């Protein structure tokens, strides 16, 4: 089982979701960055392919079964970014903040587990795509 810690600020913000009917869960999604997107979801959206790898302040943390071996023995710290303008399916985004997770891989390597948007290609302009006069 993974070790999961949570910052006091993230814990305080999580309170408003824990009492939802049906419960909530964190899911490390196999999404845009190879399984690095942390989502807070309605627990009813979990399926038979999701495996519990830990718990944070009363909320279970899941990954897809295919990722279980990679994630089950690591350590995670959940924090919050205020004023986030993220898009996506995580429940907190419309409230102006985003739960983020830092992963410490067994063996000590640490890295932010976040999925930033890719930068726009340099040199792009609306003139090259015919959207401005002429």
Protein backbone atom coordinates (compact mmCIF):
# COMPACT_ATOMS: atom_id res chain seq x y z
CA UNK A 1 0.00 0.00 0.00
CA UNK A 2 1.27 3.47 -0.88
CA UNK A 3 2.00 6.07 1.77
CA UNK A 4 -0.13 9.18 1.20
CA UNK A 5 0.14 12.45 3.13
CA UNK A 6 -1.90 15.61 2.65
CA UNK A 7 -1.12 19.24 3.42
CA UNK A 8 -3.26 21.06 6.00
CA UNK A 9 -4.63 23.39 3.30
CA UNK A 10 -5.59 20.49 1.02
CA UNK A 11 -7.15 18.65 3.96
CA UNK A 12 -9.24 21.70 4.84
CA UNK A 13 -10.51 22.00 1.26
CA UNK A 14 -11.21 18.27 1.03
CA UNK A 15 -13.72 18.49 3.92
CA UNK A 16 -16.37 20.06 1.67
CA UNK A 17 -16.31 16.99 -0.60
CA UNK A 18 -16.03 14.09 1.86
CA UNK A 19 -19.68 14.26 2.93
CA UNK A 20 -21.11 13.96 -0.59
CA UNK A 21 -23.66 11.16 -0.95
CA UNK A 22 -21.89 8.14 -2.41
CA UNK A 23 -18.49 9.46 -1.37
CA UNK A 24 -15.53 10.74 -3.32
CA UNK A 25 -12.18 9.26 -4.29
CA UNK A 26 -8.86 10.44 -5.63
CA UNK A 27 -7.83 8.74 -8.83
CA UNK A 28 -4.42 8.88 -10.45
CA UNK A 29 -5.72 8.87 -13.97
CA UNK A 30 -4.05 7.22 -16.93
CA UNK A 31 -4.65 10.36 -18.92
CA UNK A 32 -2.74 12.95 -20.84
CA UNK A 33 0.63 12.47 -19.17
CA UNK A 34 0.98 8.72 -18.90
CA UNK A 35 -0.94 8.25 -15.69
CA UNK A 36 -0.07 11.46 -13.88
CA UNK A 37 -3.31 13.37 -13.52
CA UNK A 38 -4.80 13.47 -10.02
CA UNK A 39 -8.59 13.67 -10.10
CA UNK A 40 -11.12 14.02 -7.30
CA UNK A 41 -14.15 12.09 -8.54
CA UNK A 42 -17.50 10.77 -7.37
CA UNK A 43 -16.71 7.31 -5.98
CA UNK A 44 -19.56 5.93 -8.10
CA UNK A 45 -17.39 6.42 -11.19
CA UNK A 46 -14.85 3.85 -9.99
CA UNK A 47 -15.01 0.53 -11.77
CA UNK A 48 -13.73 -3.01 -11.44
CA UNK A 49 -10.50 -1.95 -13.15
CA UNK A 50 -9.65 0.55 -10.40
CA UNK A 51 -7.49 -0.56 -7.47
CA UNK A 52 -7.11 1.16 -4.10
CA UNK A 53 -3.46 2.04 -3.42
CA UNK A 54 -3.82 4.34 -0.42
CA UNK A 55 -5.88 6.81 1.56
CA UNK A 56 -5.65 10.55 2.22
CA UNK A 57 -7.56 12.08 5.09
CA UNK A 58 -10.44 9.61 4.81
CA UNK A 59 -10.56 9.59 1.00
CA UNK A 60 -9.30 6.49 -0.83
CA UNK A 61 -6.72 6.83 -3.62
CA UNK A 62 -7.08 4.61 -6.71
CA UNK A 63 -5.20 3.78 -9.90
CA UNK A 64 -6.13 1.64 -12.87
CA UNK A 65 -5.26 -2.01 -12.30
CA UNK A 66 -2.57 -1.87 -15.00
CA UNK A 67 -0.75 0.82 -12.97
CA UNK A 68 -1.07 -0.83 -9.55
CA UNK A 69 2.43 -2.31 -9.46
CA UNK A 70 3.98 1.03 -10.44
CA UNK A 71 2.10 3.08 -7.86
CA UNK A 72 1.42 0.84 -4.86
CA UNK A 73 4.82 1.06 -3.17
CA UNK A 74 5.58 4.77 -3.61
CA UNK A 75 4.91 7.78 -1.37
CA UNK A 76 2.62 10.66 -2.32
CA UNK A 77 1.89 14.08 -0.91
CA UNK A 78 -1.34 15.85 -1.88
CA UNK A 79 -1.38 19.62 -1.84
CA UNK A 80 -3.57 22.31 -3.37
CA UNK A 81 -3.01 25.13 -5.86
CA UNK A 82 -5.31 28.09 -5.31
CA UNK A 83 -6.59 30.08 -8.28
CA UNK A 84 -6.11 27.19 -10.66
CA UNK A 85 -7.52 27.65 -14.13
CA UNK A 86 -7.28 23.98 -14.98
CA UNK A 87 -9.82 22.23 -17.08
CA UNK A 88 -10.85 18.66 -16.67
CA UNK A 89 -13.11 16.39 -14.73
CA UNK A 90 -11.79 16.89 -11.20
CA UNK A 91 -14.57 18.04 -8.86
CA UNK A 92 -12.67 20.94 -7.31
CA UNK A 93 -11.72 22.79 -10.51
CA UNK A 94 -14.97 24.85 -10.77
CA UNK A 95 -14.30 26.07 -7.21
CA UNK A 96 -11.02 27.76 -8.22
CA UNK A 97 -8.42 25.35 -6.91
CA UNK A 98 -6.76 22.08 -7.90
CA UNK A 99 -5.47 19.16 -5.86
CA UNK A 100 -1.92 18.26 -6.93
CA UNK A 101 0.26 15.35 -5.99
CA UNK A 102 3.99 14.90 -5.56
CA UNK A 103 5.25 11.35 -5.97
CA UNK A 104 8.36 9.95 -4.34
CA UNK A 105 9.30 6.81 -6.23
CA UNK A 106 10.72 3.90 -4.24
CA UNK A 107 14.43 4.60 -4.23
CA UNK A 108 14.07 8.31 -3.53
CA UNK A 109 13.42 10.11 -6.84
CA UNK A 110 10.84 12.84 -6.30
CA UNK A 111 8.77 14.64 -8.88
CA UNK A 112 5.57 16.58 -9.27
CA UNK A 113 2.77 14.46 -10.63
CA UNK A 114 0.93 17.08 -12.60
CA UNK A 115 -0.16 17.41 -16.18
CA UNK A 116 0.65 20.89 -17.48
CA UNK A 117 -0.69 22.04 -20.82
CA UNK A 118 1.92 21.90 -23.58
CA UNK A 119 3.25 25.29 -24.73
CA UNK A 120 2.10 26.69 -28.04
CA UNK A 121 4.54 26.12 -30.87
CA UNK A 122 6.86 29.09 -31.26
CA UNK A 123 6.28 31.27 -34.26
CA UNK A 124 2.53 30.63 -34.40
CA UNK A 125 0.52 33.58 -35.54
CA UNK A 126 -2.98 34.14 -36.79
CA UNK A 127 -1.51 35.55 -40.04
CA UNK A 128 -0.05 32.16 -40.90
CA UNK A 129 -3.44 30.54 -40.48
CA UNK A 130 -5.42 33.11 -42.44
CA UNK A 131 -7.56 34.35 -39.57
CA UNK A 132 -6.60 38.03 -39.82
CA UNK A 133 -7.24 40.25 -42.85
CA UNK A 134 -5.73 39.09 -46.07
